[in-house]
Amino acid sequence: MIFIMIFIIMNDLGKSVCVYTILIGCILAYYILGIMSLESDIELWRECKTSFLWLYVLISMLLMLITKLSITYSIKYKKRVAGIVLMSIEIGLVIWGGLELYGKKRCNELEYNMLWKIGLASFLTNLVFCILFSCIVLMNMCFVEAPVVPKMELIV
C-alpha cells in the first residue's frame, strides 16, 4: 500500500486507473480486516490489562489514512511545519507500536492472533512510511530553493 502511494507521488501516475484500483483494494482490505479483528478481539483485550494493542490498532487505523495523505500534501506543496508535525505523529505511532508488539510483557492469548497481525501490519506500514518520508521532509528542509526575485527593467 505504501509503496504504491510513493510510486504515485514520485512518478505522477495519477491517471493510471489500475494503480488506483490496487491502492483502493489494499486500503479496503486493511480496514475490513482491521475492523473484523478489532470487533472479534475486544473481549480478549478487556481481559488482558497489560496490553494496549487493541487501542494501538484502533488509533493507528484512524490516523493512518489522514496522516499519510496530509504528509504527501505537505511534501508536494512544501509545507515544512505541517510535515514535521505529521512526521512526529508517525514517529510516536512507530514507537508505541513497537512497544506494544515487542517491548512489553503480553498476554499469551493476544500473541500471534489476528489483532497482533493487524498491529504488525500497522507497525510495519508506519515504520516504512516514517523512514521514507522523514528522508523526503529532511531533504526538503535542507535543499531550500532560493526565492525568485523578478527582474526590474529600467525604462527610459
N, C-alpha and C. Protein backbone atom coordinates (compact mmCIF):
# COMPACT_ATOMS: atom_id res chain seq x y z
N MET A 1 0.83 -1.18 0.00
CA MET A 1 0.00 0.00 0.00
C MET A 1 0.88 1.25 0.00
N ILE A 2 1.84 1.28 0.88
CA ILE A 2 2.71 2.45 1.00
C ILE A 2 3.54 2.61 -0.27
N PHE A 3 4.04 1.50 -0.80
CA PHE A 3 4.89 1.59 -1.97
C PHE A 3 4.11 2.11 -3.18
N ILE A 4 2.84 1.75 -3.25
CA ILE A 4 2.02 2.24 -4.35
C ILE A 4 1.80 3.74 -4.21
N MET A 5 1.54 4.21 -2.97
CA MET A 5 1.36 5.64 -2.74
C MET A 5 2.62 6.41 -3.10
N ILE A 6 3.77 5.88 -2.71
CA ILE A 6 5.04 6.55 -3.01
C ILE A 6 5.28 6.55 -4.52
N PHE A 7 4.96 5.44 -5.18
CA PHE A 7 5.12 5.34 -6.63
C PHE A 7 4.27 6.39 -7.33
N ILE A 8 3.04 6.57 -6.87
CA ILE A 8 2.16 7.57 -7.47
C ILE A 8 2.73 8.97 -7.28
N ILE A 9 3.21 9.26 -6.07
CA ILE A 9 3.72 10.60 -5.78
C ILE A 9 4.99 10.88 -6.58
N MET A 10 5.91 9.93 -6.59
CA MET A 10 7.19 10.17 -7.24
C MET A 10 7.09 10.21 -8.76
N ASN A 11 6.24 9.39 -9.34
CA ASN A 11 6.18 9.30 -10.80
C ASN A 11 4.99 10.01 -11.42
N ASP A 12 4.15 10.58 -10.59
CA ASP A 12 2.98 11.33 -11.05
C ASP A 12 2.14 10.51 -12.02
N LEU A 13 1.77 9.31 -11.57
CA LEU A 13 0.93 8.43 -12.38
C LEU A 13 -0.52 8.54 -11.96
N GLY A 14 -0.98 9.76 -11.78
CA GLY A 14 -2.33 9.99 -11.30
C GLY A 14 -3.40 9.52 -12.26
N LYS A 15 -3.09 9.34 -13.51
CA LYS A 15 -4.09 8.96 -14.50
C LYS A 15 -4.24 7.44 -14.62
N SER A 16 -3.44 6.70 -13.92
CA SER A 16 -3.47 5.24 -14.05
C SER A 16 -4.59 4.65 -13.19
N VAL A 17 -5.60 4.14 -13.83
CA VAL A 17 -6.74 3.55 -13.14
C VAL A 17 -6.34 2.27 -12.43
N CYS A 18 -5.46 1.51 -13.02
CA CYS A 18 -5.02 0.24 -12.43
C CYS A 18 -4.33 0.47 -11.09
N VAL A 19 -3.47 1.44 -11.03
CA VAL A 19 -2.75 1.72 -9.78
C VAL A 19 -3.72 2.17 -8.70
N TYR A 20 -4.67 3.03 -9.06
CA TYR A 20 -5.66 3.47 -8.08
C TYR A 20 -6.54 2.32 -7.61
N THR A 21 -6.88 1.42 -8.50
CA THR A 21 -7.70 0.27 -8.13
C THR A 21 -6.96 -0.61 -7.14
N ILE A 22 -5.70 -0.87 -7.39
CA ILE A 22 -4.90 -1.68 -6.47
C ILE A 22 -4.76 -0.97 -5.13
N LEU A 23 -4.51 0.31 -5.15
CA LEU A 23 -4.36 1.08 -3.92
C LEU A 23 -5.64 1.05 -3.09
N ILE A 24 -6.76 1.29 -3.72
CA ILE A 24 -8.04 1.28 -3.00
C ILE A 24 -8.35 -0.12 -2.49
N GLY A 25 -8.04 -1.14 -3.27
CA GLY A 25 -8.25 -2.52 -2.82
C GLY A 25 -7.42 -2.86 -1.59
N CYS A 26 -6.16 -2.43 -1.58
CA CYS A 26 -5.30 -2.68 -0.42
C CYS A 26 -5.80 -1.94 0.82
N ILE A 27 -6.20 -0.71 0.63
CA ILE A 27 -6.70 0.07 1.77
C ILE A 27 -7.98 -0.54 2.31
N LEU A 28 -8.90 -0.92 1.41
CA LEU A 28 -10.15 -1.54 1.86
C LEU A 28 -9.91 -2.86 2.58
N ALA A 29 -9.02 -3.68 2.06
CA ALA A 29 -8.70 -4.95 2.71
C ALA A 29 -8.12 -4.73 4.10
N TYR A 30 -7.23 -3.77 4.22
CA TYR A 30 -6.64 -3.46 5.51
C TYR A 30 -7.71 -3.02 6.51
N TYR A 31 -8.57 -2.12 6.09
CA TYR A 31 -9.59 -1.62 7.01
C TYR A 31 -10.65 -2.68 7.34
N ILE A 32 -11.05 -3.49 6.38
CA ILE A 32 -12.03 -4.54 6.66
C ILE A 32 -11.46 -5.57 7.63
N LEU A 33 -10.25 -6.04 7.37
CA LEU A 33 -9.63 -7.00 8.28
C LEU A 33 -9.36 -6.38 9.64
N GLY A 34 -8.97 -5.11 9.66
CA GLY A 34 -8.73 -4.44 10.93
C GLY A 34 -9.98 -4.31 11.77
N ILE A 35 -11.08 -3.91 11.14
CA ILE A 35 -12.34 -3.78 11.88
C ILE A 35 -12.83 -5.14 12.36
N MET A 36 -12.68 -6.16 11.54
CA MET A 36 -13.09 -7.50 11.95
C MET A 36 -12.27 -7.98 13.14
N SER A 37 -10.95 -7.74 13.11
CA SER A 37 -10.12 -8.19 14.23
C SER A 37 -10.38 -7.37 15.49
N LEU A 38 -10.64 -6.08 15.33
CA LEU A 38 -10.98 -5.26 16.50
C LEU A 38 -12.28 -5.73 17.13
N GLU A 39 -13.25 -6.06 16.31
CA GLU A 39 -14.54 -6.49 16.83
C GLU A 39 -14.44 -7.86 17.50
N SER A 40 -13.69 -8.77 16.90
CA SER A 40 -13.63 -10.13 17.45
C SER A 40 -12.74 -10.23 18.69
N ASP A 41 -11.79 -9.34 18.85
CA ASP A 41 -10.84 -9.46 19.96
C ASP A 41 -11.06 -8.43 21.07
N ILE A 42 -12.20 -7.77 21.11
CA ILE A 42 -12.40 -6.74 22.12
C ILE A 42 -12.52 -7.36 23.52
N GLU A 43 -13.15 -8.51 23.65
CA GLU A 43 -13.27 -9.16 24.96
C GLU A 43 -11.90 -9.64 25.45
N LEU A 44 -11.11 -10.14 24.52
CA LEU A 44 -9.76 -10.57 24.87
C LEU A 44 -8.92 -9.40 25.36
N TRP A 45 -9.11 -8.24 24.74
CA TRP A 45 -8.37 -7.05 25.16
C TRP A 45 -8.82 -6.59 26.54
N ARG A 46 -10.10 -6.68 26.82
CA ARG A 46 -10.61 -6.27 28.14
C ARG A 46 -10.08 -7.17 29.25
N GLU A 47 -9.85 -8.44 28.94
CA GLU A 47 -9.30 -9.36 29.94
C GLU A 47 -7.82 -9.13 30.18
N CYS A 48 -7.10 -8.72 29.17
CA CYS A 48 -5.65 -8.51 29.27
C CYS A 48 -5.39 -7.05 29.62
N LYS A 49 -5.09 -6.79 30.86
CA LYS A 49 -4.92 -5.41 31.33
C LYS A 49 -3.52 -4.84 31.06
N THR A 50 -2.58 -5.67 30.65
CA THR A 50 -1.21 -5.17 30.47
C THR A 50 -0.92 -4.70 29.05
N SER A 51 -1.82 -4.97 28.12
CA SER A 51 -1.56 -4.62 26.72
C SER A 51 -2.57 -3.61 26.21
N PHE A 52 -2.06 -2.66 25.45
CA PHE A 52 -2.91 -1.68 24.78
C PHE A 52 -2.86 -1.88 23.27
N LEU A 53 -2.65 -3.12 22.84
CA LEU A 53 -2.53 -3.43 21.42
C LEU A 53 -3.83 -3.11 20.68
N TRP A 54 -4.97 -3.43 21.28
CA TRP A 54 -6.26 -3.14 20.65
C TRP A 54 -6.40 -1.65 20.41
N LEU A 55 -6.05 -0.85 21.42
CA LEU A 55 -6.14 0.60 21.30
C LEU A 55 -5.15 1.13 20.26
N TYR A 56 -3.94 0.56 20.21
CA TYR A 56 -2.96 0.96 19.20
C TYR A 56 -3.49 0.71 17.79
N VAL A 57 -4.08 -0.46 17.58
CA VAL A 57 -4.60 -0.78 16.24
C VAL A 57 -5.73 0.17 15.87
N LEU A 58 -6.61 0.47 16.81
CA LEU A 58 -7.71 1.38 16.54
C LEU A 58 -7.20 2.78 16.17
N ILE A 59 -6.31 3.33 16.98
CA ILE A 59 -5.79 4.68 16.72
C ILE A 59 -4.95 4.70 15.45
N SER A 60 -4.18 3.66 15.23
CA SER A 60 -3.36 3.60 14.02
C SER A 60 -4.24 3.55 12.77
N MET A 61 -5.33 2.81 12.85
CA MET A 61 -6.24 2.75 11.70
C MET A 61 -6.92 4.10 11.46
N LEU A 62 -7.27 4.78 12.53
CA LEU A 62 -7.92 6.08 12.38
C LEU A 62 -6.96 7.12 11.81
N LEU A 63 -5.72 7.10 12.27
CA LEU A 63 -4.76 8.12 11.84
C LEU A 63 -4.03 7.78 10.54
N MET A 64 -4.07 6.51 10.15
CA MET A 64 -3.23 6.09 9.03
C MET A 64 -3.54 6.86 7.74
N LEU A 65 -4.75 6.83 7.32
CA LEU A 65 -5.08 7.47 6.06
C LEU A 65 -4.95 8.99 6.15
N ILE A 66 -5.35 9.55 7.27
CA ILE A 66 -5.30 11.01 7.44
C ILE A 66 -3.86 11.51 7.40
N THR A 67 -2.98 10.87 8.18
CA THR A 67 -1.61 11.35 8.22
C THR A 67 -0.87 11.09 6.91
N LYS A 68 -1.13 9.95 6.28
CA LYS A 68 -0.43 9.66 5.02
C LYS A 68 -0.80 10.66 3.94
N LEU A 69 -2.08 10.95 3.81
CA LEU A 69 -2.49 11.92 2.79
C LEU A 69 -2.02 13.33 3.14
N SER A 70 -2.03 13.68 4.42
CA SER A 70 -1.58 15.01 4.83
C SER A 70 -0.08 15.18 4.61
N ILE A 71 0.69 14.13 4.87
CA ILE A 71 2.13 14.22 4.66
C ILE A 71 2.44 14.37 3.18
N THR A 72 1.75 13.61 2.34
CA THR A 72 2.01 13.75 0.90
C THR A 72 1.62 15.15 0.42
N TYR A 73 0.56 15.72 0.96
CA TYR A 73 0.18 17.09 0.62
C TYR A 73 1.26 18.08 1.08
N SER A 74 1.75 17.90 2.31
CA SER A 74 2.75 18.85 2.83
C SER A 74 4.06 18.75 2.05
N ILE A 75 4.41 17.57 1.55
CA ILE A 75 5.62 17.42 0.76
C ILE A 75 5.42 18.04 -0.63
N LYS A 76 4.27 17.78 -1.21
CA LYS A 76 4.02 18.28 -2.56
C LYS A 76 4.00 19.80 -2.60
N TYR A 77 3.42 20.43 -1.59
CA TYR A 77 3.31 21.88 -1.57
C TYR A 77 4.32 22.55 -0.63
N LYS A 78 5.31 21.75 -0.17
CA LYS A 78 6.44 22.25 0.62
C LYS A 78 5.99 22.99 1.88
N LYS A 79 5.07 22.39 2.60
CA LYS A 79 4.63 22.90 3.91
C LYS A 79 5.48 22.21 4.97
N ARG A 80 6.59 22.83 5.33
CA ARG A 80 7.57 22.19 6.20
C ARG A 80 7.06 21.95 7.61
N VAL A 81 6.39 22.92 8.21
CA VAL A 81 5.93 22.77 9.59
C VAL A 81 4.91 21.65 9.68
N ALA A 82 3.98 21.60 8.75
CA ALA A 82 2.98 20.53 8.74
C ALA A 82 3.65 19.17 8.57
N GLY A 83 4.63 19.10 7.71
CA GLY A 83 5.36 17.84 7.53
C GLY A 83 6.06 17.38 8.78
N ILE A 84 6.67 18.31 9.51
CA ILE A 84 7.37 17.96 10.74
C ILE A 84 6.39 17.49 11.81
N VAL A 85 5.27 18.18 11.95
CA VAL A 85 4.27 17.79 12.95
C VAL A 85 3.70 16.41 12.62
N LEU A 86 3.38 16.18 11.36
CA LEU A 86 2.82 14.89 10.97
C LEU A 86 3.85 13.77 11.11
N MET A 87 5.11 14.06 10.81
CA MET A 87 6.14 13.04 10.99
C MET A 87 6.35 12.74 12.47
N SER A 88 6.16 13.72 13.33
CA SER A 88 6.25 13.46 14.78
C SER A 88 5.15 12.51 15.22
N ILE A 89 3.96 12.68 14.68
CA ILE A 89 2.87 11.75 14.99
C ILE A 89 3.21 10.35 14.50
N GLU A 90 3.76 10.25 13.31
CA GLU A 90 4.15 8.95 12.76
C GLU A 90 5.24 8.29 13.62
N ILE A 91 6.22 9.06 14.04
CA ILE A 91 7.29 8.52 14.89
C ILE A 91 6.71 8.02 16.21
N GLY A 92 5.78 8.78 16.77
CA GLY A 92 5.12 8.33 18.00
C GLY A 92 4.36 7.03 17.81
N LEU A 93 3.66 6.89 16.68
CA LEU A 93 2.94 5.64 16.40
C LEU A 93 3.90 4.47 16.22
N VAL A 94 5.03 4.72 15.59
CA VAL A 94 6.02 3.65 15.40
C VAL A 94 6.58 3.19 16.74
N ILE A 95 6.91 4.14 17.61
CA ILE A 95 7.45 3.78 18.92
C ILE A 95 6.41 3.02 19.74
N TRP A 96 5.18 3.53 19.76
CA TRP A 96 4.12 2.88 20.52
C TRP A 96 3.84 1.47 19.98
N GLY A 97 3.77 1.33 18.67
CA GLY A 97 3.53 0.02 18.07
C GLY A 97 4.64 -0.96 18.37
N GLY A 98 5.88 -0.51 18.31
CA GLY A 98 7.00 -1.39 18.64
C GLY A 98 6.95 -1.86 20.08
N LEU A 99 6.60 -0.96 20.98
CA LEU A 99 6.48 -1.33 22.39
C LEU A 99 5.33 -2.30 22.63
N GLU A 100 4.21 -2.08 21.98
CA GLU A 100 3.05 -2.96 22.16
C GLU A 100 3.31 -4.35 21.57
N LEU A 101 3.99 -4.40 20.44
CA LEU A 101 4.22 -5.70 19.80
C LEU A 101 5.37 -6.47 20.39
N TYR A 102 6.45 -5.79 20.76
CA TYR A 102 7.66 -6.49 21.15
C TYR A 102 8.21 -6.10 22.52
N GLY A 103 7.90 -4.92 23.02
CA GLY A 103 8.60 -4.42 24.19
C GLY A 103 8.02 -4.79 25.53
N LYS A 104 6.74 -5.08 25.59
CA LYS A 104 6.09 -5.32 26.86
C LYS A 104 5.77 -6.79 27.06
N LYS A 105 5.50 -7.13 28.30
CA LYS A 105 5.01 -8.48 28.59
C LYS A 105 3.56 -8.54 28.10
N ARG A 106 3.30 -9.46 27.19
CA ARG A 106 1.99 -9.54 26.58
C ARG A 106 1.21 -10.74 27.13
N CYS A 107 -0.08 -10.68 26.92
CA CYS A 107 -0.93 -11.83 27.22
C CYS A 107 -0.71 -12.89 26.15
N ASN A 108 -0.70 -14.15 26.55
CA ASN A 108 -0.47 -15.23 25.58
C ASN A 108 -1.58 -15.32 24.55
N GLU A 109 -2.81 -14.94 24.95
CA GLU A 109 -3.93 -15.02 24.02
C GLU A 109 -3.81 -14.00 22.89
N LEU A 110 -3.19 -12.86 23.16
CA LEU A 110 -3.06 -11.82 22.14
C LEU A 110 -1.91 -12.07 21.17
N GLU A 111 -1.02 -12.95 21.56
CA GLU A 111 0.17 -13.15 20.73
C GLU A 111 -0.14 -13.98 19.49
N TYR A 112 0.18 -13.43 18.35
CA TYR A 112 0.06 -14.07 17.03
C TYR A 112 -1.38 -14.38 16.62
N ASN A 113 -2.36 -13.68 17.17
CA ASN A 113 -3.72 -13.82 16.65
C ASN A 113 -3.96 -12.73 15.61
N MET A 114 -5.18 -12.61 15.13
CA MET A 114 -5.47 -11.67 14.05
C MET A 114 -5.18 -10.22 14.46
N LEU A 115 -5.51 -9.86 15.69
CA LEU A 115 -5.25 -8.50 16.16
C LEU A 115 -3.75 -8.21 16.16
N TRP A 116 -2.95 -9.18 16.58
CA TRP A 116 -1.50 -8.99 16.59
C TRP A 116 -0.97 -8.82 15.17
N LYS A 117 -1.53 -9.58 14.23
CA LYS A 117 -1.08 -9.48 12.83
C LYS A 117 -1.46 -8.13 12.22
N ILE A 118 -2.66 -7.64 12.53
CA ILE A 118 -3.06 -6.32 12.04
C ILE A 118 -2.19 -5.24 12.70
N GLY A 119 -1.88 -5.42 13.99
CA GLY A 119 -0.97 -4.49 14.67
C GLY A 119 0.41 -4.49 14.03
N LEU A 120 0.88 -5.68 13.66
CA LEU A 120 2.18 -5.78 12.99
C LEU A 120 2.14 -5.11 11.62
N ALA A 121 1.05 -5.30 10.88
CA ALA A 121 0.92 -4.64 9.58
C ALA A 121 0.90 -3.12 9.75
N SER A 122 0.19 -2.64 10.76
CA SER A 122 0.16 -1.19 11.03
C SER A 122 1.54 -0.68 11.40
N PHE A 123 2.23 -1.43 12.25
CA PHE A 123 3.57 -1.03 12.69
C PHE A 123 4.53 -0.97 11.51
N LEU A 124 4.54 -2.01 10.67
CA LEU A 124 5.47 -2.03 9.53
C LEU A 124 5.13 -0.95 8.52
N THR A 125 3.84 -0.72 8.28
CA THR A 125 3.45 0.34 7.35
C THR A 125 3.89 1.70 7.88
N ASN A 126 3.64 1.94 9.17
CA ASN A 126 4.06 3.21 9.77
C ASN A 126 5.58 3.35 9.74
N LEU A 127 6.30 2.27 10.00
CA LEU A 127 7.77 2.32 10.03
C LEU A 127 8.33 2.65 8.65
N VAL A 128 7.87 1.95 7.62
CA VAL A 128 8.38 2.20 6.26
C VAL A 128 8.03 3.61 5.82
N PHE A 129 6.79 4.00 6.06
CA PHE A 129 6.35 5.34 5.68
C PHE A 129 7.13 6.41 6.42
N CYS A 130 7.37 6.18 7.70
CA CYS A 130 8.10 7.14 8.52
C CYS A 130 9.54 7.32 8.03
N ILE A 131 10.20 6.23 7.72
CA ILE A 131 11.59 6.31 7.25
C ILE A 131 11.67 7.03 5.90
N LEU A 132 10.83 6.62 4.97
CA LEU A 132 10.89 7.22 3.64
C LEU A 132 10.54 8.70 3.65
N PHE A 133 9.46 9.04 4.32
CA PHE A 133 9.04 10.43 4.28
C PHE A 133 9.83 11.32 5.23
N SER A 134 10.48 10.74 6.24
CA SER A 134 11.41 11.53 7.04
C SER A 134 12.57 11.99 6.17
N CYS A 135 13.06 11.09 5.34
CA CYS A 135 14.14 11.46 4.42
C CYS A 135 13.69 12.55 3.47
N ILE A 136 12.47 12.43 2.94
CA ILE A 136 11.97 13.43 1.99
C ILE A 136 11.76 14.77 2.67
N VAL A 137 11.19 14.76 3.89
CA VAL A 137 10.97 16.02 4.62
C VAL A 137 12.30 16.68 4.95
N LEU A 138 13.28 15.88 5.38
CA LEU A 138 14.61 16.44 5.69
C LEU A 138 15.28 16.99 4.43
N MET A 139 15.12 16.31 3.32
CA MET A 139 15.71 16.82 2.09
C MET A 139 15.04 18.12 1.67
N ASN A 140 13.72 18.21 1.86
CA ASN A 140 13.03 19.46 1.55
C ASN A 140 13.49 20.60 2.45
N MET A 141 13.83 20.28 3.70
CA MET A 141 14.30 21.31 4.62
C MET A 141 15.73 21.74 4.28
N CYS A 142 16.56 20.80 3.88
CA CYS A 142 17.97 21.10 3.64
C CYS A 142 18.20 21.80 2.30
N PHE A 143 17.46 21.40 1.31
CA PHE A 143 17.65 21.96 -0.02
C PHE A 143 16.55 22.96 -0.33
N VAL A 144 16.63 24.07 0.33
CA VAL A 144 15.63 25.11 0.16
C VAL A 144 15.98 25.89 -1.10
N GLU A 145 14.98 26.06 -1.95
CA GLU A 145 15.21 26.84 -3.16
C GLU A 145 15.18 28.33 -2.82
N ALA A 146 16.08 29.05 -3.45
CA ALA A 146 16.11 30.49 -3.23
C ALA A 146 14.89 31.11 -3.91
N PRO A 147 14.30 32.10 -3.26
CA PRO A 147 13.14 32.73 -3.88
C PRO A 147 13.55 33.46 -5.16
N VAL A 148 12.66 33.40 -6.11
CA VAL A 148 12.91 34.05 -7.40
C VAL A 148 12.53 35.52 -7.27
N VAL A 149 13.51 36.38 -7.54
CA VAL A 149 13.27 37.80 -7.49
C VAL A 149 13.02 38.29 -8.91
N PRO A 150 11.88 38.92 -9.14
CA PRO A 150 11.62 39.38 -10.51
C PRO A 150 12.59 40.48 -10.92
N LYS A 151 12.98 40.42 -12.17
CA LYS A 151 13.89 41.44 -12.69
C LYS A 151 13.11 42.71 -12.98
N MET A 152 13.71 43.77 -12.62
CA MET A 152 13.08 45.06 -12.89
C MET A 152 13.89 45.75 -13.98
N GLU A 153 13.20 46.11 -14.99
CA GLU A 153 13.89 46.79 -16.08
C GLU A 153 13.68 48.30 -15.94
N LEU A 154 14.71 49.00 -16.27
CA LEU A 154 14.67 50.43 -16.23
C LEU A 154 14.19 50.96 -17.56
N ILE A 155 13.06 51.60 -17.53
CA ILE A 155 12.51 52.14 -18.76
C ILE A 155 12.86 53.62 -18.82
N VAL A 156 13.53 54.03 -19.89
CA VAL A 156 13.96 55.42 -20.03
C VAL A 156 13.25 56.07 -21.18
